[in-house]
Amino acid sequence: MIVLAAVVVTGILLQPKTQKGSKNITIEVVNSAAESTVYSVSTDAEYLEQAMEEADGLTFSGTEGDYGMMVDTVNGETAVYDTDGAYWSFYVNGEYCNYGISEQPVADGDAFRIVYETASW
């Protein structure tokens, strides 16, 4: 019972902290040709996935898994890891995101980047 309580408390303490209320953020998408599109978003979203849904002109899709959506297509361009090692990387304020888009917190002034990258094997 003590172990279960410790696991629950640890899980609560490690959950990403969210910010309620209005926020202004940017989401930059860099495609495989290194072309950049920037979306300015005013949102009440607490997590990146909802903010991405609110970004006018930004489209994305993927598959739902145990840790939320695994994005494989952004603005019509699909990254296929099994074929050529391509994937979409997500960054916030210059740092690699620690969470999937359904759990990545959004704070006022955040600058997100979604970048088409390939693994270097």
PDB file of N, CA and C in Angstrom:
ATOM      1  N   MET A   1       0.816  -1.185   0.000  1.00  0.00           N
ATOM      2  CA  MET A   1       0.000   0.000   0.000  1.00  0.00           C
ATOM      3  C   MET A   1       0.871   1.266   0.000  1.00  0.00           C
ATOM      4  N   ILE A   2       1.956   1.242   0.739  1.00  0.00           N
ATOM      5  CA  ILE A   2       2.847   2.396   0.808  1.00  0.00           C
ATOM      6  C   ILE A   2       3.499   2.640  -0.552  1.00  0.00           C
ATOM      7  N   VAL A   3       3.874   1.556  -1.231  1.00  0.00           N
ATOM      8  CA  VAL A   3       4.490   1.688  -2.546  1.00  0.00           C
ATOM      9  C   VAL A   3       3.507   2.321  -3.525  1.00  0.00           C
ATOM     10  N   LEU A   4       2.249   1.886  -3.489  1.00  0.00           N
ATOM     11  CA  LEU A   4       1.229   2.448  -4.368  1.00  0.00           C
ATOM     12  C   LEU A   4       1.046   3.934  -4.092  1.00  0.00           C
ATOM     13  N   ALA A   5       1.001   4.315  -2.844  1.00  0.00           N
ATOM     14  CA  ALA A   5       0.859   5.732  -2.492  1.00  0.00           C
ATOM     15  C   ALA A   5       2.057   6.536  -3.003  1.00  0.00           C
ATOM     16  N   ALA A   6       3.258   5.977  -2.884  1.00  0.00           N
ATOM     17  CA  ALA A   6       4.463   6.663  -3.354  1.00  0.00           C
ATOM     18  C   ALA A   6       4.422   6.849  -4.863  1.00  0.00           C
ATOM     19  N   VAL A   7       3.947   5.842  -5.589  1.00  0.00           N
ATOM     20  CA  VAL A   7       3.845   5.929  -7.043  1.00  0.00           C
ATOM     21  C   VAL A   7       2.831   7.007  -7.443  1.00  0.00           C
ATOM     22  N   VAL A   8       1.709   7.050  -6.765  1.00  0.00           N
ATOM     23  CA  VAL A   8       0.675   8.052  -7.073  1.00  0.00           C
ATOM     24  C   VAL A   8       1.191   9.459  -6.799  1.00  0.00           C
ATOM     25  N   VAL A   9       1.833   9.667  -5.657  1.00  0.00           N
ATOM     26  CA  VAL A   9       2.368  10.989  -5.307  1.00  0.00           C
ATOM     27  C   VAL A   9       3.446  11.410  -6.300  1.00  0.00           C
ATOM     28  N   THR A  10       4.335  10.487  -6.656  1.00  0.00           N
ATOM     29  CA  THR A  10       5.384  10.792  -7.629  1.00  0.00           C
ATOM     30  C   THR A  10       4.770  11.171  -8.973  1.00  0.00           C
ATOM     31  N   GLY A  11       3.752  10.432  -9.408  1.00  0.00           N
ATOM     32  CA  GLY A  11       3.076  10.738 -10.671  1.00  0.00           C
ATOM     33  C   GLY A  11       2.460  12.122 -10.662  1.00  0.00           C
ATOM     34  N   ILE A  12       1.851  12.496  -9.561  1.00  0.00           N
ATOM     35  CA  ILE A  12       1.243  13.822  -9.444  1.00  0.00           C
ATOM     36  C   ILE A  12       2.309  14.909  -9.480  1.00  0.00           C
ATOM     37  N   LEU A  13       3.410  14.698  -8.780  1.00  0.00           N
ATOM     38  CA  LEU A  13       4.474  15.694  -8.745  1.00  0.00           C
ATOM     39  C   LEU A  13       5.168  15.863 -10.085  1.00  0.00           C
ATOM     40  N   LEU A  14       5.228  14.803 -10.890  1.00  0.00           N
ATOM     41  CA  LEU A  14       5.924  14.864 -12.174  1.00  0.00           C
ATOM     42  C   LEU A  14       5.030  15.266 -13.343  1.00  0.00           C
ATOM     43  N   GLN A  15       3.724  15.435 -13.089  1.00  0.00           N
ATOM     44  CA  GLN A  15       2.835  15.856 -14.164  1.00  0.00           C
ATOM     45  C   GLN A  15       3.233  17.239 -14.647  1.00  0.00           C
ATOM     46  N   PRO A  16       3.094  17.466 -15.950  1.00  0.00           N
ATOM     47  CA  PRO A  16       3.427  18.803 -16.459  1.00  0.00           C
ATOM     48  C   PRO A  16       2.473  19.843 -15.877  1.00  0.00           C
ATOM     49  N   LYS A  17       3.010  20.993 -15.524  1.00  0.00           N
ATOM     50  CA  LYS A  17       2.206  22.083 -14.971  1.00  0.00           C
ATOM     51  C   LYS A  17       1.614  22.885 -16.123  1.00  0.00           C
ATOM     52  N   THR A  18       0.340  23.187 -16.007  1.00  0.00           N
ATOM     53  CA  THR A  18      -0.337  23.946 -17.053  1.00  0.00           C
ATOM     54  C   THR A  18      -0.647  25.352 -16.572  1.00  0.00           C
ATOM     55  N   GLN A  19      -0.946  26.208 -17.536  1.00  0.00           N
ATOM     56  CA  GLN A  19      -1.281  27.603 -17.260  1.00  0.00           C
ATOM     57  C   GLN A  19      -2.673  27.868 -17.810  1.00  0.00           C
ATOM     58  N   LYS A  20      -3.575  28.269 -16.932  1.00  0.00           N
ATOM     59  CA  LYS A  20      -4.939  28.582 -17.366  1.00  0.00           C
ATOM     60  C   LYS A  20      -4.998  30.005 -17.901  1.00  0.00           C
ATOM     61  N   GLY A  21      -6.027  30.287 -18.698  1.00  0.00           N
ATOM     62  CA  GLY A  21      -6.233  31.633 -19.194  1.00  0.00           C
ATOM     63  C   GLY A  21      -5.679  31.855 -20.587  1.00  0.00           C
ATOM     64  N   SER A  22      -5.802  33.081 -21.036  1.00  0.00           N
ATOM     65  CA  SER A  22      -5.407  33.456 -22.393  1.00  0.00           C
ATOM     66  C   SER A  22      -3.891  33.488 -22.558  1.00  0.00           C
ATOM     67  N   LYS A  23      -3.449  32.982 -23.704  1.00  0.00           N
ATOM     68  CA  LYS A  23      -2.017  32.948 -24.014  1.00  0.00           C
ATOM     69  C   LYS A  23      -1.818  33.311 -25.480  1.00  0.00           C
ATOM     70  N   ASN A  24      -0.694  33.896 -25.778  1.00  0.00           N
ATOM     71  CA  ASN A  24      -0.279  34.148 -27.161  1.00  0.00           C
ATOM     72  C   ASN A  24       1.000  33.355 -27.391  1.00  0.00           C
ATOM     73  N   ILE A  25       0.964  32.467 -28.391  1.00  0.00           N
ATOM     74  CA  ILE A  25       2.112  31.617 -28.697  1.00  0.00           C
ATOM     75  C   ILE A  25       2.372  31.644 -30.195  1.00  0.00           C
ATOM     76  N   THR A  26       3.519  31.119 -30.588  1.00  0.00           N
ATOM     77  CA  THR A  26       3.786  30.900 -32.005  1.00  0.00           C
ATOM     78  C   THR A  26       4.096  29.420 -32.209  1.00  0.00           C
ATOM     79  N   ILE A  27       3.705  28.943 -33.372  1.00  0.00           N
ATOM     80  CA  ILE A  27       4.019  27.574 -33.786  1.00  0.00           C
ATOM     81  C   ILE A  27       4.655  27.691 -35.165  1.00  0.00           C
ATOM     82  N   GLU A  28       5.913  27.300 -35.272  1.00  0.00           N
ATOM     83  CA  GLU A  28       6.615  27.323 -36.548  1.00  0.00           C
ATOM     84  C   GLU A  28       6.731  25.897 -37.063  1.00  0.00           C
ATOM     85  N   VAL A  29       6.372  25.700 -38.318  1.00  0.00           N
ATOM     86  CA  VAL A  29       6.520  24.397 -38.966  1.00  0.00           C
ATOM     87  C   VAL A  29       7.627  24.520 -39.999  1.00  0.00           C
ATOM     88  N   VAL A  30       8.617  23.613 -39.908  1.00  0.00           N
ATOM     89  CA  VAL A  30       9.714  23.575 -40.874  1.00  0.00           C
ATOM     90  C   VAL A  30       9.607  22.238 -41.610  1.00  0.00           C
ATOM     91  N   ASN A  31       9.313  22.298 -42.901  1.00  0.00           N
ATOM     92  CA  ASN A  31       9.096  21.073 -43.674  1.00  0.00           C
ATOM     93  C   ASN A  31      10.411  20.456 -44.158  1.00  0.00           C
ATOM     94  N   SER A  32      10.304  19.397 -44.957  1.00  0.00           N
ATOM     95  CA  SER A  32      11.497  18.674 -45.417  1.00  0.00           C
ATOM     96  C   SER A  32      12.384  19.510 -46.338  1.00  0.00           C
ATOM     97  N   ALA A  33      11.825  20.540 -46.963  1.00  0.00           N
ATOM     98  CA  ALA A  33      12.605  21.425 -47.829  1.00  0.00           C
ATOM     99  C   ALA A  33      13.155  22.623 -47.046  1.00  0.00           C
ATOM    100  N   ALA A  34      13.049  22.563 -45.720  1.00  0.00           N
ATOM    101  CA  ALA A  34      13.510  23.625 -44.814  1.00  0.00           C
ATOM    102  C   ALA A  34      12.732  24.931 -44.996  1.00  0.00           C
ATOM    103  N   GLU A  35      11.515  24.824 -45.538  1.00  0.00           N
ATOM    104  CA  GLU A  35      10.639  25.988 -45.660  1.00  0.00           C
ATOM    105  C   GLU A  35       9.865  26.155 -44.364  1.00  0.00           C
ATOM    106  N   SER A  36       9.782  27.388 -43.895  1.00  0.00           N
ATOM    107  CA  SER A  36       9.182  27.679 -42.604  1.00  0.00           C
ATOM    108  C   SER A  36       7.851  28.412 -42.750  1.00  0.00           C
ATOM    109  N   THR A  37       6.869  27.985 -41.964  1.00  0.00           N
ATOM    110  CA  THR A  37       5.592  28.681 -41.861  1.00  0.00           C
ATOM    111  C   THR A  37       5.340  28.924 -40.381  1.00  0.00           C
ATOM    112  N   VAL A  38       5.017  30.178 -40.034  1.00  0.00           N
ATOM    113  CA  VAL A  38       4.798  30.537 -38.632  1.00  0.00           C
ATOM    114  C   VAL A  38       3.333  30.877 -38.418  1.00  0.00           C
ATOM    115  N   TYR A  39       2.772  30.313 -37.361  1.00  0.00           N
ATOM    116  CA  TYR A  39       1.386  30.555 -36.982  1.00  0.00           C
ATOM    117  C   TYR A  39       1.387  31.277 -35.636  1.00  0.00           C
ATOM    118  N   SER A  40       0.695  32.400 -35.574  1.00  0.00           N
ATOM    119  CA  SER A  40       0.506  33.107 -34.309  1.00  0.00           C
ATOM    120  C   SER A  40      -0.850  32.685 -33.769  1.00  0.00           C
ATOM    121  N   VAL A  41      -0.873  32.222 -32.532  1.00  0.00           N
ATOM    122  CA  VAL A  41      -2.096  31.660 -31.969  1.00  0.00           C
ATOM    123  C   VAL A  41      -2.415  32.342 -30.652  1.00  0.00           C
ATOM    124  N   SER A  42      -3.637  32.849 -30.536  1.00  0.00           N
ATOM    125  CA  SER A  42      -4.174  33.324 -29.266  1.00  0.00           C
ATOM    126  C   SER A  42      -5.097  32.220 -28.785  1.00  0.00           C
ATOM    127  N   THR A  43      -4.848  31.702 -27.589  1.00  0.00           N
ATOM    128  CA  THR A  43      -5.542  30.502 -27.154  1.00  0.00           C
ATOM    129  C   THR A  43      -5.735  30.458 -25.642  1.00  0.00           C
ATOM    130  N   ASP A  44      -6.707  29.691 -25.227  1.00  0.00           N
ATOM    131  CA  ASP A  44      -6.889  29.342 -23.817  1.00  0.00           C
ATOM    132  C   ASP A  44      -6.436  27.901 -23.579  1.00  0.00           C
ATOM    133  N   ALA A  45      -5.885  27.270 -24.616  1.00  0.00           N
ATOM    134  CA  ALA A  45      -5.461  25.870 -24.527  1.00  0.00           C
ATOM    135  C   ALA A  45      -4.416  25.697 -23.426  1.00  0.00           C
ATOM    136  N   GLU A  46      -4.500  24.585 -22.736  1.00  0.00           N
ATOM    137  CA  GLU A  46      -3.491  24.253 -21.731  1.00  0.00           C
ATOM    138  C   GLU A  46      -2.425  23.339 -22.299  1.00  0.00           C
ATOM    139  N   TYR A  47      -2.742  22.671 -23.429  1.00  0.00           N
ATOM    140  CA  TYR A  47      -1.817  21.718 -24.027  1.00  0.00           C
ATOM    141  C   TYR A  47      -1.634  22.009 -25.513  1.00  0.00           C
ATOM    142  N   LEU A  48      -0.497  21.612 -26.051  1.00  0.00           N
ATOM    143  CA  LEU A  48      -0.115  21.916 -27.424  1.00  0.00           C
ATOM    144  C   LEU A  48      -1.105  21.377 -28.454  1.00  0.00           C
ATOM    145  N   GLU A  49      -1.619  20.189 -28.278  1.00  0.00           N
ATOM    146  CA  GLU A  49      -2.519  19.611 -29.278  1.00  0.00           C
ATOM    147  C   GLU A  49      -3.707  20.535 -29.542  1.00  0.00           C
ATOM    148  N   GLN A  50      -4.329  21.043 -28.494  1.00  0.00           N
ATOM    149  CA  GLN A  50      -5.472  21.935 -28.671  1.00  0.00           C
ATOM    150  C   GLN A  50      -5.044  23.242 -29.348  1.00  0.00           C
ATOM    151  N   ALA A  51      -3.893  23.775 -28.970  1.00  0.00           N
ATOM    152  CA  ALA A  51      -3.395  25.006 -29.605  1.00  0.00           C
ATOM    153  C   ALA A  51      -3.135  24.767 -31.086  1.00  0.00           C
ATOM    154  N   MET A  52      -2.594  23.597 -31.435  1.00  0.00           N
ATOM    155  CA  MET A  52      -2.360  23.268 -32.844  1.00  0.00           C
ATOM    156  C   MET A  52      -3.681  23.193 -33.600  1.00  0.00           C
ATOM    157  N   GLU A  53      -4.722  22.651 -32.975  1.00  0.00           N
ATOM    158  CA  GLU A  53      -6.039  22.572 -33.603  1.00  0.00           C
ATOM    159  C   GLU A  53      -6.605  23.963 -33.866  1.00  0.00           C
ATOM    160  N   GLU A  54      -6.239  24.932 -33.035  1.00  0.00           N
ATOM    161  CA  GLU A  54      -6.748  26.290 -33.164  1.00  0.00           C
ATOM    162  C   GLU A  54      -5.931  27.146 -34.137  1.00  0.00           C
ATOM    163  N   ALA A  55      -4.764  26.681 -34.548  1.00  0.00           N
ATOM    164  CA  ALA A  55      -3.901  27.447 -35.458  1.00  0.00           C
ATOM    165  C   ALA A  55      -4.497  27.429 -36.858  1.00  0.00           C
ATOM    166  N   ASP A  56      -4.905  28.589 -37.342  1.00  0.00           N
ATOM    167  CA  ASP A  56      -5.553  28.710 -38.645  1.00  0.00           C
ATOM    168  C   ASP A  56      -4.596  28.313 -39.764  1.00  0.00           C
ATOM    169  N   GLY A  57      -4.953  27.247 -40.500  1.00  0.00           N
ATOM    170  CA  GLY A  57      -4.141  26.791 -41.629  1.00  0.00           C
ATOM    171  C   GLY A  57      -3.214  25.634 -41.301  1.00  0.00           C
ATOM    172  N   LEU A  58      -2.982  25.360 -40.040  1.00  0.00           N
ATOM    173  CA  LEU A  58      -2.113  24.248 -39.638  1.00  0.00           C
ATOM    174  C   LEU A  58      -2.935  22.966 -39.604  1.00  0.00           C
ATOM    175  N   THR A  59      -2.452  21.939 -40.293  1.00  0.00           N
ATOM    176  CA  THR A  59      -3.119  20.639 -40.261  1.00  0.00           C
ATOM    177  C   THR A  59      -2.127  19.587 -39.784  1.00  0.00           C
ATOM    178  N   PHE A  60      -2.638  18.581 -39.111  1.00  0.00           N
ATOM    179  CA  PHE A  60      -1.786  17.493 -38.630  1.00  0.00           C
ATOM    180  C   PHE A  60      -2.641  16.268 -38.371  1.00  0.00           C
ATOM    181  N   SER A  61      -1.986  15.119 -38.418  1.00  0.00           N
ATOM    182  CA  SER A  61      -2.663  13.863 -38.104  1.00  0.00           C
ATOM    183  C   SER A  61      -1.623  12.862 -37.647  1.00  0.00           C
ATOM    184  N   GLY A  62      -2.106  11.767 -37.110  1.00  0.00           N
ATOM    185  CA  GLY A  62      -1.228  10.718 -36.627  1.00  0.00           C
ATOM    186  C   GLY A  62      -2.050   9.586 -36.056  1.00  0.00           C
ATOM    187  N   THR A  63      -1.411   8.781 -35.249  1.00  0.00           N
ATOM    188  CA  THR A  63      -2.094   7.658 -34.622  1.00  0.00           C
ATOM    189  C   THR A  63      -2.099   7.843 -33.117  1.00  0.00           C
ATOM    190  N   GLU A  64      -3.204   7.441 -32.503  1.00  0.00           N
ATOM    191  CA  GLU A  64      -3.320   7.516 -31.047  1.00  0.00           C
ATOM    192  C   GLU A  64      -2.645   6.296 -30.427  1.00  0.00           C
ATOM    193  N   GLY A  65      -1.889   6.537 -29.377  1.00  0.00           N
ATOM    194  CA  GLY A  65      -1.214   5.458 -28.670  1.00  0.00           C
ATOM    195  C   GLY A  65      -1.352   5.647 -27.173  1.00  0.00           C
ATOM    196  N   ASP A  66      -0.606   4.879 -26.424  1.00  0.00           N
ATOM    197  CA  ASP A  66      -0.660   4.942 -24.966  1.00  0.00           C
ATOM    198  C   ASP A  66      -0.248   6.308 -24.419  1.00  0.00           C
ATOM    199  N   TYR A  67       0.542   7.049 -25.176  1.00  0.00           N
ATOM    200  CA  TYR A  67       1.056   8.340 -24.714  1.00  0.00           C
ATOM    201  C   TYR A  67       0.474   9.509 -25.509  1.00  0.00           C
ATOM    202  N   GLY A  68      -0.698   9.303 -26.121  1.00  0.00           N
ATOM    203  CA  GLY A  68      -1.331  10.354 -26.902  1.00  0.00           C
ATOM    204  C   GLY A  68      -1.052  10.173 -28.379  1.00  0.00           C
ATOM    205  N   MET A  69      -1.228  11.252 -29.136  1.00  0.00           N
ATOM    206  CA  MET A  69      -1.068  11.179 -30.587  1.00  0.00           C
ATOM    207  C   MET A  69       0.400  11.186 -30.995  1.00  0.00           C
ATOM    208  N   MET A  70       0.742  10.258 -31.867  1.00  0.00           N
ATOM    209  CA  MET A  70       2.059  10.231 -32.501  1.00  0.00           C
ATOM    210  C   MET A  70       1.877  10.870 -33.868  1.00  0.00           C
ATOM    211  N   VAL A  71       2.333  12.121 -34.008  1.00  0.00           N
ATOM    212  CA  VAL A  71       2.124  12.895 -35.227  1.00  0.00           C
ATOM    213  C   VAL A  71       3.035  12.363 -36.329  1.00  0.00           C
ATOM    214  N   ASP A  72       2.425  12.051 -37.482  1.00  0.00           N
ATOM    215  CA  ASP A  72       3.239  11.621 -38.626  1.00  0.00           C
ATOM    216  C   ASP A  72       3.045  12.513 -39.849  1.00  0.00           C
ATOM    217  N   THR A  73       1.996  13.350 -39.839  1.00  0.00           N
ATOM    218  CA  THR A  73       1.724  14.219 -40.972  1.00  0.00           C
ATOM    219  C   THR A  73       1.446  15.641 -40.486  1.00  0.00           C
ATOM    220  N   VAL A  74       2.142  16.611 -41.067  1.00  0.00           N
ATOM    221  CA  VAL A  74       1.933  18.021 -40.751  1.00  0.00           C
ATOM    222  C   VAL A  74       1.812  18.772 -42.068  1.00  0.00           C
ATOM    223  N   ASN A  75       0.749  19.543 -42.191  1.00  0.00           N
ATOM    224  CA  ASN A  75       0.490  20.329 -43.408  1.00  0.00           C
ATOM    225  C   ASN A  75       0.607  19.485 -44.679  1.00  0.00           C
ATOM    226  N   GLY A  76       0.109  18.255 -44.591  1.00  0.00           N
ATOM    227  CA  GLY A  76       0.070  17.376 -45.755  1.00  0.00           C
ATOM    228  C   GLY A  76       1.342  16.601 -46.031  1.00  0.00           C
ATOM    229  N   GLU A  77       2.405  16.844 -45.264  1.00  0.00           N
ATOM    230  CA  GLU A  77       3.664  16.135 -45.481  1.00  0.00           C
ATOM    231  C   GLU A  77       3.832  15.038 -44.419  1.00  0.00           C
ATOM    232  N   THR A  78       4.000  13.812 -44.880  1.00  0.00           N
ATOM    233  CA  THR A  78       4.111  12.671 -43.972  1.00  0.00           C
ATOM    234  C   THR A  78       5.576  12.275 -43.795  1.00  0.00           C
ATOM    235  N   ALA A  79       5.956  12.088 -42.556  1.00  0.00           N
ATOM    236  CA  ALA A  79       7.288  11.585 -42.225  1.00  0.00           C
ATOM    237  C   ALA A  79       7.148  10.098 -41.924  1.00  0.00           C
ATOM    238  N   VAL A  80       7.892   9.267 -42.660  1.00  0.00           N
ATOM    239  CA  VAL A  80       7.790   7.813 -42.514  1.00  0.00           C
ATOM    240  C   VAL A  80       9.126   7.289 -42.002  1.00  0.00           C
ATOM    241  N   TYR A  81       9.207   7.070 -40.720  1.00  0.00           N
ATOM    242  CA  TYR A  81      10.459   6.645 -40.097  1.00  0.00           C
ATOM    243  C   TYR A  81      10.949   5.310 -40.662  1.00  0.00           C
ATOM    244  N   ASP A  82      10.043   4.372 -40.859  1.00  0.00           N
ATOM    245  CA  ASP A  82      10.434   3.040 -41.339  1.00  0.00           C
ATOM    246  C   ASP A  82      11.037   3.074 -42.738  1.00  0.00           C
ATOM    247  N   THR A  83      10.693   4.072 -43.535  1.00  0.00           N
ATOM    248  CA  THR A  83      11.189   4.169 -44.905  1.00  0.00           C
ATOM    249  C   THR A  83      12.524   4.891 -44.991  1.00  0.00           C
ATOM    250  N   ASP A  84      12.582   6.089 -44.400  1.00  0.00           N
ATOM    251  CA  ASP A  84      13.796   6.897 -44.548  1.00  0.00           C
ATOM    252  C   ASP A  84      14.275   7.559 -43.256  1.00  0.00           C
ATOM    253  N   GLY A  85      13.774   7.092 -42.119  1.00  0.00           N
ATOM    254  CA  GLY A  85      14.206   7.639 -40.830  1.00  0.00           C
ATOM    255  C   GLY A  85      13.642   9.013 -40.527  1.00  0.00           C
ATOM    256  N   ALA A  86      12.590   9.430 -41.254  1.00  0.00           N
ATOM    257  CA  ALA A  86      12.018  10.761 -41.070  1.00  0.00           C
ATOM    258  C   ALA A  86      10.999  10.762 -39.928  1.00  0.00           C
ATOM    259  N   TYR A  87      10.957  11.875 -39.203  1.00  0.00           N
ATOM    260  CA  TYR A  87       9.994  12.060 -38.110  1.00  0.00           C
ATOM    261  C   TYR A  87       9.809  13.550 -37.877  1.00  0.00           C
ATOM    262  N   TRP A  88       8.756  13.905 -37.156  1.00  0.00           N
ATOM    263  CA  TRP A  88       8.491  15.287 -36.776  1.00  0.00           C
ATOM    264  C   TRP A  88       8.981  15.494 -35.354  1.00  0.00           C
ATOM    265  N   SER A  89       9.878  16.448 -35.171  1.00  0.00           N
ATOM    266  CA  SER A  89      10.394  16.805 -33.843  1.00  0.00           C
ATOM    267  C   SER A  89       9.639  18.028 -33.346  1.00  0.00           C
ATOM    268  N   PHE A  90       9.419  18.065 -32.045  1.00  0.00           N
ATOM    269  CA  PHE A  90       8.705  19.175 -31.426  1.00  0.00           C
ATOM    270  C   PHE A  90       9.604  19.856 -30.410  1.00  0.00           C
ATOM    271  N   TYR A  91       9.688  21.182 -30.508  1.00  0.00           N
ATOM    272  CA  TYR A  91      10.521  21.983 -29.626  1.00  0.00           C
ATOM    273  C   TYR A  91       9.675  23.087 -28.999  1.00  0.00           C
ATOM    274  N   VAL A  92      10.033  23.469 -27.783  1.00  0.00           N
ATOM    275  CA  VAL A  92       9.413  24.620 -27.128  1.00  0.00           C
ATOM    276  C   VAL A  92      10.526  25.509 -26.597  1.00  0.00           C
ATOM    277  N   ASN A  93      10.520  26.748 -27.019  1.00  0.00           N
ATOM    278  CA  ASN A  93      11.510  27.738 -26.596  1.00  0.00           C
ATOM    279  C   ASN A  93      12.944  27.235 -26.783  1.00  0.00           C
ATOM    280  N   GLY A  94      13.167  26.565 -27.926  1.00  0.00           N
ATOM    281  CA  GLY A  94      14.498  26.098 -28.286  1.00  0.00           C
ATOM    282  C   GLY A  94      14.914  24.769 -27.682  1.00  0.00           C
ATOM    283  N   GLU A  95      14.082  24.188 -26.831  1.00  0.00           N
ATOM    284  CA  GLU A  95      14.390  22.905 -26.189  1.00  0.00           C
ATOM    285  C   GLU A  95      13.452  21.829 -26.717  1.00  0.00           C
ATOM    286  N   TYR A  96      13.965  20.600 -26.797  1.00  0.00           N
ATOM    287  CA  TYR A  96      13.145  19.477 -27.234  1.00  0.00           C
ATOM    288  C   TYR A  96      11.992  19.301 -26.247  1.00  0.00           C
ATOM    289  N   CYS A  97      10.766  19.122 -26.742  1.00  0.00           N
ATOM    290  CA  CYS A  97       9.610  18.933 -25.861  1.00  0.00           C
ATOM    291  C   CYS A  97       9.768  17.650 -25.051  1.00  0.00           C
ATOM    292  N   ASN A  98       9.404  17.724 -23.793  1.00  0.00           N
ATOM    293  CA  ASN A  98       9.504  16.572 -22.896  1.00  0.00           C
ATOM    294  C   ASN A  98       8.274  15.686 -22.926  1.00  0.00           C
ATOM    295  N   TYR A  99       7.205  16.153 -23.566  1.00  0.00           N
ATOM    296  CA  TYR A  99       5.939  15.434 -23.551  1.00  0.00           C
ATOM    297  C   TYR A  99       5.381  15.352 -24.957  1.00  0.00           C
ATOM    298  N   GLY A 100       4.424  14.445 -25.150  1.00  0.00           N
ATOM    299  CA  GLY A 100       3.691  14.401 -26.406  1.00  0.00           C
ATOM    300  C   GLY A 100       2.768  15.602 -26.506  1.00  0.00           C
ATOM    301  N   ILE A 101       2.194  15.836 -27.682  1.00  0.00           N
ATOM    302  CA  ILE A 101       1.414  17.051 -27.885  1.00  0.00           C
ATOM    303  C   ILE A 101       0.176  17.119 -26.993  1.00  0.00           C
ATOM    304  N   SER A 102      -0.357  15.983 -26.575  1.00  0.00           N
ATOM    305  CA  SER A 102      -1.547  16.003 -25.723  1.00  0.00           C
ATOM    306  C   SER A 102      -1.206  16.297 -24.265  1.00  0.00           C
ATOM    307  N   GLU A 103       0.080  16.262 -23.908  1.00  0.00           N
ATOM    308  CA  GLU A 103       0.512  16.541 -22.530  1.00  0.00           C
ATOM    309  C   GLU A 103       1.516  17.682 -22.437  1.00  0.00           C
ATOM    310  N   GLN A 104       1.929  18.245 -23.573  1.00  0.00           N
ATOM    311  CA  GLN A 104       2.899  19.344 -23.568  1.00  0.00           C
ATOM    312  C   GLN A 104       2.197  20.639 -23.173  1.00  0.00           C
ATOM    313  N   PRO A 105       2.541  21.206 -21.995  1.00  0.00           N
ATOM    314  CA  PRO A 105       1.881  22.428 -21.545  1.00  0.00           C
ATOM    315  C   PRO A 105       2.177  23.616 -22.463  1.00  0.00           C
ATOM    316  N   VAL A 106       1.236  24.552 -22.494  1.00  0.00           N
ATOM    317  CA  VAL A 106       1.360  25.784 -23.260  1.00  0.00           C
ATOM    318  C   VAL A 106       1.340  26.945 -22.279  1.00  0.00           C
ATOM    319  N   ALA A 107       2.331  27.818 -22.369  1.00  0.00           N
ATOM    320  CA  ALA A 107       2.394  29.010 -21.520  1.00  0.00           C
ATOM    321  C   ALA A 107       2.461  30.247 -22.403  1.00  0.00           C
ATOM    322  N   ASP A 108       2.009  31.366 -21.869  1.00  0.00           N
ATOM    323  CA  ASP A 108       2.031  32.616 -22.622  1.00  0.00           C
ATOM    324  C   ASP A 108       3.455  32.924 -23.089  1.00  0.00           C
ATOM    325  N   GLY A 109       3.582  33.252 -24.374  1.00  0.00           N
ATOM    326  CA  GLY A 109       4.875  33.605 -24.948  1.00  0.00           C
ATOM    327  C   GLY A 109       5.673  32.435 -25.481  1.00  0.00           C
ATOM    328  N   ASP A 110       5.182  31.211 -25.322  1.00  0.00           N
ATOM    329  CA  ASP A 110       5.918  30.046 -25.823  1.00  0.00           C
ATOM    330  C   ASP A 110       6.093  30.114 -27.332  1.00  0.00           C
ATOM    331  N   ALA A 111       7.240  29.643 -27.787  1.00  0.00           N
ATOM    332  CA  ALA A 111       7.541  29.522 -29.212  1.00  0.00           C
ATOM    333  C   ALA A 111       7.792  28.045 -29.502  1.00  0.00           C
ATOM    334  N   PHE A 112       6.853  27.426 -30.199  1.00  0.00           N
ATOM    335  CA  PHE A 112       6.975  26.013 -30.558  1.00  0.00           C
ATOM    336  C   PHE A 112       7.509  25.898 -31.973  1.00  0.00           C
ATOM    337  N   ARG A 113       8.302  24.840 -32.209  1.00  0.00           N
ATOM    338  CA  ARG A 113       8.784  24.504 -33.555  1.00  0.00           C
ATOM    339  C   ARG A 113       8.456  23.045 -33.807  1.00  0.00           C
ATOM    340  N   ILE A 114       7.908  22.778 -34.976  1.00  0.00           N
ATOM    341  CA  ILE A 114       7.644  21.417 -35.434  1.00  0.00           C
ATOM    342  C   ILE A 114       8.535  21.245 -36.656  1.00  0.00           C
ATOM    343  N   VAL A 115       9.514  20.357 -36.558  1.00  0.00           N
ATOM    344  CA  VAL A 115      10.558  20.269 -37.580  1.00  0.00           C
ATOM    345  C   VAL A 115      10.619  18.857 -38.160  1.00  0.00           C
ATOM    346  N   TYR A 116      10.596  18.784 -39.492  1.00  0.00           N
ATOM    347  CA  TYR A 116      10.791  17.519 -40.207  1.00  0.00           C
ATOM    348  C   TYR A 116      12.276  17.179 -40.118  1.00  0.00           C
ATOM    349  N   GLU A 117      12.590  16.047 -39.519  1.00  0.00           N
ATOM    350  CA  GLU A 117      13.990  15.647 -39.356  1.00  0.00           C
ATOM    351  C   GLU A 117      14.154  14.199 -39.787  1.00  0.00           C
ATOM    352  N   THR A 118      15.395  13.829 -40.050  1.00  0.00           N
ATOM    353  CA  THR A 118      15.713  12.439 -40.364  1.00  0.00           C
ATOM    354  C   THR A 118      16.798  11.951 -39.420  1.00  0.00           C
ATOM    355  N   ALA A 119      16.687  10.702 -39.052  1.00  0.00           N
ATOM    356  CA  ALA A 119      17.675  10.095 -38.162  1.00  0.00           C
ATOM    357  C   ALA A 119      19.001   9.965 -38.886  1.00  0.00           C
ATOM    358  N   SER A 120      20.060  10.215 -38.156  1.00  0.00           N
ATOM    359  CA  SER A 120      21.398  10.034 -38.737  1.00  0.00           C
ATOM    360  C   SER A 120      21.962   8.728 -38.194  1.00  0.00           C
ATOM    361  N   TRP A 121      21.942   7.717 -39.034  1.00  0.00           N
ATOM    362  CA  TRP A 121      22.361   6.382 -38.619  1.00  0.00           C
ATOM    363  C   TRP A 121      23.801   6.182 -38.903  1.00  0.00           C
TER     364      TRP A 121
END
